[in-house]
Amino acid sequence: MTVKAIRGAIQVDLNTAEHIHSGVKELLGAILTINQLVPEDVISVILTSTPDLVADFPAVGARGMGFESVPLLCATEIDVPGALPRVIRVMLHCNTELSSKEVSHIYLKGAAALRRDLAQ
């Protein structure tokens, strides 16, 4: 196994704790499923959100899906004029047997516009 970093993002509909948590769960769930991972494979996760998402920490959503023992860090994205609103981004570090070419980076909902070359 080697260490890999997997990127992803999702756009949520509203700045509510429920939408933030469900968005994180959907994004991390897709990353785990598509890359054949379980939470025990995850070393750490960096979660960022755009400045308009302040209802709760994205890490709360991750904790609710099996990431209780995984180090999580939340941060705010730079407030760039014209940037896509209500976006949660993730960089997940994991142990995997997948090669760099086999790793799938996941961009869901409106965030697919951020990386059309990688969007699911």
C-alpha atoms as a PDB file:
ATOM      1  CA  MET A   1       0.000   0.000   0.000  1.00  0.00           C
ATOM      2  CA  THR A   2       1.067   3.555  -0.656  1.00  0.00           C
ATOM      3  CA  VAL A   3      -0.168   6.936   0.505  1.00  0.00           C
ATOM      4  CA  LYS A   4      -2.320   8.859  -1.943  1.00  0.00           C
ATOM      5  CA  ALA A   5      -4.207  12.158  -1.784  1.00  0.00           C
ATOM      6  CA  ILE A   6      -7.697  12.260  -3.234  1.00  0.00           C
ATOM      7  CA  ARG A   7      -9.455  15.522  -4.061  1.00  0.00           C
ATOM      8  CA  GLY A   8     -13.122  16.287  -4.348  1.00  0.00           C
ATOM      9  CA  ALA A   9     -15.812  18.926  -3.996  1.00  0.00           C
ATOM     10  CA  ILE A  10     -19.566  19.290  -3.748  1.00  0.00           C
ATOM     11  CA  GLN A  11     -21.869  22.282  -3.976  1.00  0.00           C
ATOM     12  CA  VAL A  12     -24.643  22.326  -1.372  1.00  0.00           C
ATOM     13  CA  ASP A  13     -27.996  24.053  -1.792  1.00  0.00           C
ATOM     14  CA  LEU A  14     -28.210  26.012   1.464  1.00  0.00           C
ATOM     15  CA  ASN A  15     -26.093  27.283   4.348  1.00  0.00           C
ATOM     16  CA  THR A  16     -27.635  25.007   6.949  1.00  0.00           C
ATOM     17  CA  ALA A  17     -26.000  22.427   9.198  1.00  0.00           C
ATOM     18  CA  GLU A  18     -28.156  19.732   7.591  1.00  0.00           C
ATOM     19  CA  HIS A  19     -27.061  20.629   4.043  1.00  0.00           C
ATOM     20  CA  ILE A  20     -23.398  20.917   5.041  1.00  0.00           C
ATOM     21  CA  HIS A  21     -23.431  17.559   6.850  1.00  0.00           C
ATOM     22  CA  SER A  22     -25.323  15.737   4.101  1.00  0.00           C
ATOM     23  CA  GLY A  23     -23.029  17.230   1.444  1.00  0.00           C
ATOM     24  CA  VAL A  24     -19.925  16.054   3.288  1.00  0.00           C
ATOM     25  CA  LYS A  25     -21.422  12.591   3.763  1.00  0.00           C
ATOM     26  CA  GLU A  26     -22.344  12.340   0.085  1.00  0.00           C
ATOM     27  CA  LEU A  27     -18.896  13.501  -1.050  1.00  0.00           C
ATOM     28  CA  LEU A  28     -16.865  11.362   1.340  1.00  0.00           C
ATOM     29  CA  GLY A  29     -19.148   8.387   0.727  1.00  0.00           C
ATOM     30  CA  ALA A  30     -18.564   8.674  -3.022  1.00  0.00           C
ATOM     31  CA  ILE A  31     -14.797   8.997  -2.550  1.00  0.00           C
ATOM     32  CA  LEU A  32     -14.718   5.896  -0.344  1.00  0.00           C
ATOM     33  CA  THR A  33     -16.972   3.816  -2.586  1.00  0.00           C
ATOM     34  CA  ILE A  34     -15.402   4.669  -5.916  1.00  0.00           C
ATOM     35  CA  ASN A  35     -11.858   4.304  -4.585  1.00  0.00           C
ATOM     36  CA  GLN A  36     -12.651   1.080  -2.683  1.00  0.00           C
ATOM     37  CA  LEU A  37     -11.732   2.547   0.709  1.00  0.00           C
ATOM     38  CA  VAL A  38     -13.025   2.263   4.258  1.00  0.00           C
ATOM     39  CA  PRO A  39     -12.535   4.895   6.989  1.00  0.00           C
ATOM     40  CA  GLU A  40      -9.691   2.811   8.466  1.00  0.00           C
ATOM     41  CA  ASP A  41      -7.693   3.423   5.241  1.00  0.00           C
ATOM     42  CA  VAL A  42      -7.923   7.199   5.726  1.00  0.00           C
ATOM     43  CA  ILE A  43      -4.937   8.967   7.298  1.00  0.00           C
ATOM     44  CA  SER A  44      -6.363  12.503   7.466  1.00  0.00           C
ATOM     45  CA  VAL A  45      -8.887  14.781   5.790  1.00  0.00           C
ATOM     46  CA  ILE A  46      -8.719  18.506   5.070  1.00  0.00           C
ATOM     47  CA  LEU A  47     -12.159  20.034   4.528  1.00  0.00           C
ATOM     48  CA  THR A  48     -12.619  23.561   3.256  1.00  0.00           C
ATOM     49  CA  SER A  49     -15.764  25.541   2.615  1.00  0.00           C
ATOM     50  CA  THR A  50     -16.506  28.773   0.858  1.00  0.00           C
ATOM     51  CA  PRO A  51     -16.994  31.784   3.168  1.00  0.00           C
ATOM     52  CA  ASP A  52     -20.785  31.631   2.723  1.00  0.00           C
ATOM     53  CA  LEU A  53     -21.019  28.277   4.557  1.00  0.00           C
ATOM     54  CA  VAL A  54     -20.953  29.083   8.267  1.00  0.00           C
ATOM     55  CA  ALA A  55     -23.868  27.088   9.742  1.00  0.00           C
ATOM     56  CA  ASP A  56     -21.559  24.324  11.034  1.00  0.00           C
ATOM     57  CA  PHE A  57     -18.189  22.682  10.600  1.00  0.00           C
ATOM     58  CA  PRO A  58     -17.971  20.219   7.677  1.00  0.00           C
ATOM     59  CA  ALA A  59     -16.046  17.869   9.990  1.00  0.00           C
ATOM     60  CA  VAL A  60     -19.231  17.251  11.992  1.00  0.00           C
ATOM     61  CA  GLY A  61     -20.708  15.518   8.939  1.00  0.00           C
ATOM     62  CA  ALA A  62     -17.579  13.382   8.544  1.00  0.00           C
ATOM     63  CA  ARG A  63     -17.612  12.363  12.211  1.00  0.00           C
ATOM     64  CA  GLY A  64     -21.171  11.120  11.738  1.00  0.00           C
ATOM     65  CA  MET A  65     -20.127   8.581   9.104  1.00  0.00           C
ATOM     66  CA  GLY A  66     -17.271   6.703  10.709  1.00  0.00           C
ATOM     67  CA  PHE A  67     -14.430   9.211  10.763  1.00  0.00           C
ATOM     68  CA  GLU A  68     -14.312   9.449  14.574  1.00  0.00           C
ATOM     69  CA  SER A  69     -10.645   8.373  14.741  1.00  0.00           C
ATOM     70  CA  VAL A  70      -9.467  10.219  11.612  1.00  0.00           C
ATOM     71  CA  PRO A  71      -7.719  13.587  12.051  1.00  0.00           C
ATOM     72  CA  LEU A  72      -9.908  16.230  10.391  1.00  0.00           C
ATOM     73  CA  LEU A  73      -9.143  19.878   9.694  1.00  0.00           C
ATOM     74  CA  CYS A  74     -11.592  22.543   8.530  1.00  0.00           C
ATOM     75  CA  ALA A  75     -10.628  25.797   6.830  1.00  0.00           C
ATOM     76  CA  THR A  76     -12.241  28.551   4.803  1.00  0.00           C
ATOM     77  CA  GLU A  77     -11.517  28.982   1.101  1.00  0.00           C
ATOM     78  CA  ILE A  78     -10.234  32.319  -0.171  1.00  0.00           C
ATOM     79  CA  ASP A  79     -13.150  34.682  -0.914  1.00  0.00           C
ATOM     80  CA  VAL A  80     -12.463  35.193  -4.627  1.00  0.00           C
ATOM     81  CA  PRO A  81     -14.993  37.413  -6.441  1.00  0.00           C
ATOM     82  CA  GLY A  82     -17.159  35.367  -8.787  1.00  0.00           C
ATOM     83  CA  ALA A  83     -16.159  32.000  -7.276  1.00  0.00           C
ATOM     84  CA  LEU A  84     -18.729  29.223  -7.144  1.00  0.00           C
ATOM     85  CA  PRO A  85     -20.760  29.633  -3.910  1.00  0.00           C
ATOM     86  CA  ARG A  86     -21.606  27.037  -1.219  1.00  0.00           C
ATOM     87  CA  VAL A  87     -18.781  24.638  -2.060  1.00  0.00           C
ATOM     88  CA  ILE A  88     -17.166  22.127   0.271  1.00  0.00           C
ATOM     89  CA  ARG A  89     -13.802  20.801  -0.871  1.00  0.00           C
ATOM     90  CA  VAL A  90     -11.856  17.851   0.475  1.00  0.00           C
ATOM     91  CA  MET A  91      -8.332  16.527   0.323  1.00  0.00           C
ATOM     92  CA  LEU A  92      -8.270  13.033   1.746  1.00  0.00           C
ATOM     93  CA  HIS A  93      -4.992  11.237   2.484  1.00  0.00           C
ATOM     94  CA  CYS A  94      -5.210   7.455   2.486  1.00  0.00           C
ATOM     95  CA  ASN A  95      -3.408   4.156   2.236  1.00  0.00           C
ATOM     96  CA  THR A  96      -4.388   2.364  -0.969  1.00  0.00           C
ATOM     97  CA  GLU A  97      -3.209  -0.172  -3.475  1.00  0.00           C
ATOM     98  CA  LEU A  98      -4.546   1.988  -6.326  1.00  0.00           C
ATOM     99  CA  SER A  99      -2.002   3.700  -8.537  1.00  0.00           C
ATOM    100  CA  SER A 100      -2.135   7.458  -9.051  1.00  0.00           C
ATOM    101  CA  LYS A 101      -3.796   6.866 -12.429  1.00  0.00           C
ATOM    102  CA  GLU A 102      -6.433   4.604 -10.845  1.00  0.00           C
ATOM    103  CA  VAL A 103      -7.425   7.027  -8.072  1.00  0.00           C
ATOM    104  CA  SER A 104     -10.723   8.800  -8.784  1.00  0.00           C
ATOM    105  CA  HIS A 105     -11.126  12.429  -7.725  1.00  0.00           C
ATOM    106  CA  ILE A 106     -14.797  13.235  -7.137  1.00  0.00           C
ATOM    107  CA  TYR A 107     -16.617  16.457  -8.065  1.00  0.00           C
ATOM    108  CA  LEU A 108     -20.374  16.395  -7.468  1.00  0.00           C
ATOM    109  CA  LYS A 109     -23.373  18.583  -8.262  1.00  0.00           C
ATOM    110  CA  GLY A 110     -22.479  22.189  -9.158  1.00  0.00           C
ATOM    111  CA  ALA A 111     -18.859  21.594  -8.153  1.00  0.00           C
ATOM    112  CA  ALA A 112     -18.460  19.464 -11.282  1.00  0.00           C
ATOM    113  CA  ALA A 113     -17.860  22.801 -13.039  1.00  0.00           C
ATOM    114  CA  LEU A 114     -14.619  23.194 -11.064  1.00  0.00           C
ATOM    115  CA  ARG A 115     -13.010  20.173 -12.714  1.00  0.00           C
ATOM    116  CA  ARG A 116     -14.969  19.094 -15.761  1.00  0.00           C
ATOM    117  CA  ASP A 117     -12.119  16.741 -16.627  1.00  0.00           C
ATOM    118  CA  LEU A 118     -12.636  14.831 -13.353  1.00  0.00           C
ATOM    119  CA  ALA A 119     -16.346  15.280 -12.566  1.00  0.00           C
ATOM    120  CA  GLN A 120     -18.479  12.205 -11.845  1.00  0.00           C
END
